[in-house]
C-alpha atoms as a PDB file:
ATOM      1  CA  LEU A   1       0.000   0.000   0.000  1.00  0.00           C
ATOM      2  CA  THR A   2       1.593   3.241  -1.083  1.00  0.00           C
ATOM      3  CA  ALA A   3       0.669   6.785  -0.140  1.00  0.00           C
ATOM      4  CA  PRO A   4      -1.264   8.675  -2.816  1.00  0.00           C
ATOM      5  CA  ARG A   5       0.651  11.240  -4.796  1.00  0.00           C
ATOM      6  CA  LEU A   6      -1.165  14.457  -3.916  1.00  0.00           C
ATOM      7  CA  SER A   7       0.624  16.413  -6.638  1.00  0.00           C
ATOM      8  CA  HIS A   8      -1.361  14.325  -9.137  1.00  0.00           C
ATOM      9  CA  VAL A   9      -4.625  14.626  -7.234  1.00  0.00           C
ATOM     10  CA  ILE A  10      -4.592  18.407  -6.834  1.00  0.00           C
ATOM     11  CA  ARG A  11      -4.284  19.117 -10.555  1.00  0.00           C
ATOM     12  CA  PHE A  12      -7.780  19.204 -12.006  1.00  0.00           C
ATOM     13  CA  ARG A  13      -7.927  19.998 -15.703  1.00  0.00           C
ATOM     14  CA  PRO A  14     -10.269  18.656 -18.331  1.00  0.00           C
ATOM     15  CA  PRO A  15      -8.565  16.692 -21.083  1.00  0.00           C
ATOM     16  CA  LEU A  16      -7.369  18.793 -24.006  1.00  0.00           C
ATOM     17  CA  ARG A  17      -9.272  18.153 -27.215  1.00  0.00           C
ATOM     18  CA  HIS A  18      -8.770  19.495 -30.708  1.00  0.00           C
ATOM     19  CA  HIS A  19     -12.503  19.755 -31.407  1.00  0.00           C
ATOM     20  CA  SER A  20     -14.716  22.422 -29.877  1.00  0.00           C
ATOM     21  CA  VAL A  21     -17.256  20.245 -28.016  1.00  0.00           C
ATOM     22  CA  PRO A  22     -15.976  18.169 -25.071  1.00  0.00           C
ATOM     23  CA  ASP A  23     -17.083  14.546 -25.113  1.00  0.00           C
ATOM     24  CA  TRP A  24     -17.814  14.280 -21.384  1.00  0.00           C
ATOM     25  CA  GLY A  25     -20.876  15.181 -19.309  1.00  0.00           C
ATOM     26  CA  ILE A  26     -20.986  17.326 -16.176  1.00  0.00           C
ATOM     27  CA  GLU A  27     -20.490  14.701 -13.434  1.00  0.00           C
ATOM     28  CA  ALA A  28     -19.068  12.033 -15.702  1.00  0.00           C
ATOM     29  CA  GLY A  29     -16.467  14.468 -17.009  1.00  0.00           C
ATOM     30  CA  LYS A  30     -15.318  15.443 -13.558  1.00  0.00           C
ATOM     31  CA  ASP A  31     -15.090  11.819 -12.468  1.00  0.00           C
ATOM     32  CA  GLN A  32     -13.286  10.814 -15.661  1.00  0.00           C
ATOM     33  CA  THR A  33     -10.805  13.632 -15.181  1.00  0.00           C
ATOM     34  CA  LEU A  34     -10.246  12.664 -11.541  1.00  0.00           C
ATOM     35  CA  GLN A  35      -9.681   9.057 -12.646  1.00  0.00           C
ATOM     36  CA  LYS A  36      -7.147  10.119 -15.289  1.00  0.00           C
ATOM     37  CA  VAL A  37      -5.327  12.354 -12.809  1.00  0.00           C
ATOM     38  CA  ALA A  38      -5.504   9.982  -9.850  1.00  0.00           C
ATOM     39  CA  GLY A  39      -4.236   6.902 -11.613  1.00  0.00           C
ATOM     40  CA  ASN A  40      -5.684   4.310  -9.208  1.00  0.00           C
ATOM     41  CA  GLU A  41      -8.763   3.789  -7.054  1.00  0.00           C
ATOM     42  CA  GLU A  42      -7.050   4.816  -3.811  1.00  0.00           C
ATOM     43  CA  GLU A  43      -5.922   8.143  -5.225  1.00  0.00           C
ATOM     44  CA  LEU A  44      -9.382   8.669  -6.711  1.00  0.00           C
ATOM     45  CA  GLU A  45     -10.933   8.278  -3.248  1.00  0.00           C
ATOM     46  CA  VAL A  46      -8.451  10.838  -1.875  1.00  0.00           C
ATOM     47  CA  ALA A  47      -9.411  13.239  -4.682  1.00  0.00           C
ATOM     48  CA  ARG A  48     -13.120  12.812  -3.918  1.00  0.00           C
ATOM     49  CA  ALA A  49     -12.494  13.354  -0.194  1.00  0.00           C
ATOM     50  CA  MET A  50     -10.503  16.513  -0.918  1.00  0.00           C
ATOM     51  CA  ASP A  51     -13.409  17.753  -3.026  1.00  0.00           C
ATOM     52  CA  LYS A  52     -15.759  17.288  -0.040  1.00  0.00           C
ATOM     53  CA  VAL A  53     -13.298  18.834   2.435  1.00  0.00           C
ATOM     54  CA  GLY A  54     -13.017  21.870   0.174  1.00  0.00           C
ATOM     55  CA  PHE A  55     -16.716  22.625   0.574  1.00  0.00           C
ATOM     56  CA  VAL A  56     -16.553  22.198   4.361  1.00  0.00           C
ATOM     57  CA  VAL A  57     -13.502  24.449   4.767  1.00  0.00           C
ATOM     58  CA  THR A  58     -14.903  27.077   2.414  1.00  0.00           C
ATOM     59  CA  GLY A  59     -18.176  27.171   4.338  1.00  0.00           C
ATOM     60  CA  ALA A  60     -16.437  27.477   7.713  1.00  0.00           C
ATOM     61  CA  VAL A  61     -14.064  30.241   6.603  1.00  0.00           C
ATOM     62  CA  THR A  62     -16.837  32.131   4.832  1.00  0.00           C
ATOM     63  CA  ALA A  63     -18.993  32.099   7.970  1.00  0.00           C
ATOM     64  CA  VAL A  64     -16.228  33.115  10.381  1.00  0.00           C
ATOM     65  CA  VAL A  65     -15.009  35.939   8.129  1.00  0.00           C
ATOM     66  CA  GLY A  66     -18.207  36.889   6.309  1.00  0.00           C
ATOM     67  CA  VAL A  67     -20.695  37.251   9.166  1.00  0.00           C
ATOM     68  CA  PRO A  68     -18.678  39.908  11.064  1.00  0.00           C
ATOM     69  CA  LEU A  69     -18.034  41.715   7.777  1.00  0.00           C
ATOM     70  CA  ALA A  70     -21.739  41.699   6.955  1.00  0.00           C
ATOM     71  CA  ILE A  71     -22.619  42.998  10.433  1.00  0.00           C
ATOM     72  CA  GLY A  72     -20.132  45.832   9.956  1.00  0.00           C
ATOM     73  CA  MET A  73     -21.469  46.621   6.489  1.00  0.00           C
ATOM     74  CA  VAL A  74     -24.993  46.957   7.870  1.00  0.00           C
ATOM     75  CA  GLY A  75     -23.683  49.684  10.165  1.00  0.00           C
ATOM     76  CA  PHE A  76     -22.781  48.023  13.468  1.00  0.00           C
ATOM     77  CA  THR A  77     -19.155  49.208  13.769  1.00  0.00           C
ATOM     78  CA  THR A  78     -16.478  49.380  16.465  1.00  0.00           C
ATOM     79  CA  ALA A  79     -17.166  53.118  16.771  1.00  0.00           C
ATOM     80  CA  GLY A  80     -20.903  52.579  17.274  1.00  0.00           C
ATOM     81  CA  ILE A  81     -23.862  52.599  14.949  1.00  0.00           C
ATOM     82  CA  ALA A  82     -23.083  54.389  11.688  1.00  0.00           C
ATOM     83  CA  ALA A  83     -25.336  57.356  10.909  1.00  0.00           C
ATOM     84  CA  GLY A  84     -27.782  56.813   8.055  1.00  0.00           C
ATOM     85  CA  SER A  85     -27.161  53.065   7.923  1.00  0.00           C
ATOM     86  CA  VAL A  86     -29.540  50.134   8.132  1.00  0.00           C
ATOM     87  CA  ALA A  87     -28.328  49.702  11.725  1.00  0.00           C
ATOM     88  CA  ALA A  88     -29.398  53.273  12.531  1.00  0.00           C
ATOM     89  CA  LYS A  89     -32.862  52.597  11.110  1.00  0.00           C
ATOM     90  CA  MET A  90     -33.097  49.371  13.137  1.00  0.00           C
ATOM     91  CA  MET A  91     -32.074  51.220  16.292  1.00  0.00           C
ATOM     92  CA  SER A  92     -34.611  53.972  15.646  1.00  0.00           C
ATOM     93  CA  ALA A  93     -37.418  51.450  15.127  1.00  0.00           C
ATOM     94  CA  ALA A  94     -36.426  49.530  18.270  1.00  0.00           C
ATOM     95  CA  ALA A  95     -36.305  52.739  20.321  1.00  0.00           C
ATOM     96  CA  VAL A  96     -39.735  53.862  19.096  1.00  0.00           C
ATOM     97  CA  ALA A  97     -41.200  50.416  19.832  1.00  0.00           C
ATOM     98  CA  ASN A  98     -39.754  50.413  23.358  1.00  0.00           C
ATOM     99  CA  GLY A  99     -40.740  53.937  24.319  1.00  0.00           C
ATOM    100  CA  GLY A 100     -37.419  55.679  23.686  1.00  0.00           C
ATOM    101  CA  GLY A 101     -34.726  53.141  24.524  1.00  0.00           C
ATOM    102  CA  VAL A 102     -33.270  49.975  23.042  1.00  0.00           C
ATOM    103  CA  ALA A 103     -34.013  46.955  25.208  1.00  0.00           C
ATOM    104  CA  ALA A 104     -31.093  44.926  26.532  1.00  0.00           C
ATOM    105  CA  GLY A 105     -30.906  41.575  24.787  1.00  0.00           C
ATOM    106  CA  SER A 106     -32.724  42.807  21.690  1.00  0.00           C
ATOM    107  CA  MET A 107     -31.436  42.059  18.210  1.00  0.00           C
ATOM    108  CA  VAL A 108     -30.099  45.609  17.888  1.00  0.00           C
ATOM    109  CA  SER A 109     -28.159  45.398  21.148  1.00  0.00           C
ATOM    110  CA  ILE A 110     -26.734  41.967  20.297  1.00  0.00           C
ATOM    111  CA  LEU A 111     -25.628  43.103  16.838  1.00  0.00           C
ATOM    112  CA  GLN A 112     -24.115  46.288  18.287  1.00  0.00           C
ATOM    113  CA  SER A 113     -22.154  44.224  20.782  1.00  0.00           C
ATOM    114  CA  ILE A 114     -20.847  41.993  17.988  1.00  0.00           C
ATOM    115  CA  GLY A 115     -20.014  45.040  15.873  1.00  0.00           C
ATOM    116  CA  ALA A 116     -18.121  46.681  18.736  1.00  0.00           C
ATOM    117  CA  VAL A 117     -16.018  43.759  20.009  1.00  0.00           C
ATOM    118  CA  GLY A 118     -16.557  40.909  17.538  1.00  0.00           C
ATOM    119  CA  PHE A 119     -17.427  37.317  18.321  1.00  0.00           C
ATOM    120  CA  SER A 120     -15.969  35.391  21.230  1.00  0.00           C
ATOM    121  CA  THR A 121     -13.908  32.258  20.618  1.00  0.00           C
ATOM    122  CA  ALA A 122     -16.994  30.159  21.321  1.00  0.00           C
ATOM    123  CA  GLY A 123     -19.024  32.338  18.939  1.00  0.00           C
ATOM    124  CA  ASN A 124     -16.433  31.843  16.199  1.00  0.00           C
ATOM    125  CA  ALA A 125     -16.487  28.090  16.847  1.00  0.00           C
ATOM    126  CA  VAL A 126     -20.265  28.035  16.474  1.00  0.00           C
ATOM    127  CA  LEU A 127     -20.060  30.150  13.303  1.00  0.00           C
ATOM    128  CA  GLY A 128     -17.409  27.797  11.913  1.00  0.00           C
ATOM    129  CA  ALA A 129     -19.521  24.733  12.683  1.00  0.00           C
ATOM    130  CA  ILE A 130     -22.604  26.258  11.074  1.00  0.00           C
ATOM    131  CA  GLY A 131     -20.568  27.319   8.041  1.00  0.00           C
ATOM    132  CA  ALA A 132     -18.950  23.886   7.747  1.00  0.00           C
ATOM    133  CA  GLY A 133     -22.366  22.212   7.852  1.00  0.00           C
ATOM    134  CA  THR A 134     -23.701  24.620   5.259  1.00  0.00           C
ATOM    135  CA  GLY A 135     -20.664  23.999   3.051  1.00  0.00           C
ATOM    136  CA  ALA A 136     -21.071  20.221   3.357  1.00  0.00           C
ATOM    137  CA  GLY A 137     -24.768  20.493   2.512  1.00  0.00           C
ATOM    138  CA  THR A 138     -24.038  22.720  -0.473  1.00  0.00           C
ATOM    139  CA  GLY A 139     -21.427  20.289  -1.750  1.00  0.00           C
ATOM    140  CA  ALA A 140     -23.809  17.347  -1.384  1.00  0.00           C
ATOM    141  CA  ALA A 141     -26.559  19.263  -3.171  1.00  0.00           C
ATOM    142  CA  LEU A 142     -24.229  20.166  -6.046  1.00  0.00           C
ATOM    143  CA  ARG A 143     -23.093  16.561  -6.383  1.00  0.00           C
ATOM    144  CA  ALA A 144     -26.749  15.445  -6.466  1.00  0.00           C
ATOM    145  CA  VAL A 145     -27.603  18.002  -9.146  1.00  0.00           C
ATOM    146  CA  ARG A 146     -24.551  16.985 -11.203  1.00  0.00           C
ATOM    147  CA  SER A 147     -25.577  13.344 -10.884  1.00  0.00           C
ATOM    148  CA  LEU A 148     -29.109  14.106 -12.049  1.00  0.00           C
ATOM    149  CA  LEU A 149     -27.896  16.214 -14.963  1.00  0.00           C
ATOM    150  CA  SER A 150     -25.445  13.581 -16.146  1.00  0.00           C
ATOM    151  CA  LYS A 151     -28.176  10.927 -16.560  1.00  0.00           C
END
């Protein structure tokens, strides 16, 4: 039993053809290309696993980086709520609904806290887990769609 050669697995290019229309389908083409690159069944399994891991890692990183960015873009910043932003409108609506003040524990106060100091380590772990699950689900859904389209 030999270790798979990852340098062969990482390269993913469709076969070069001299005619304009490729002769492989969506899922079949990807699998055929992985088989040509991998060389044997063991390396093919490693390539498929790396494909799945890619979706999980992408989902986790996107959640951990993207959610705080999105909260900041809405207007919940380290300097407070940005004037004229969506966050300012949310705060105004919450204050009117509560008779002049924003209630502790409300969505506005939670988002402002996140905007001011960011997520805790536990919060980032939860975001990463949610993102990883979303990435895995997205990858599975794409594989299912590819499978259906290749039939």
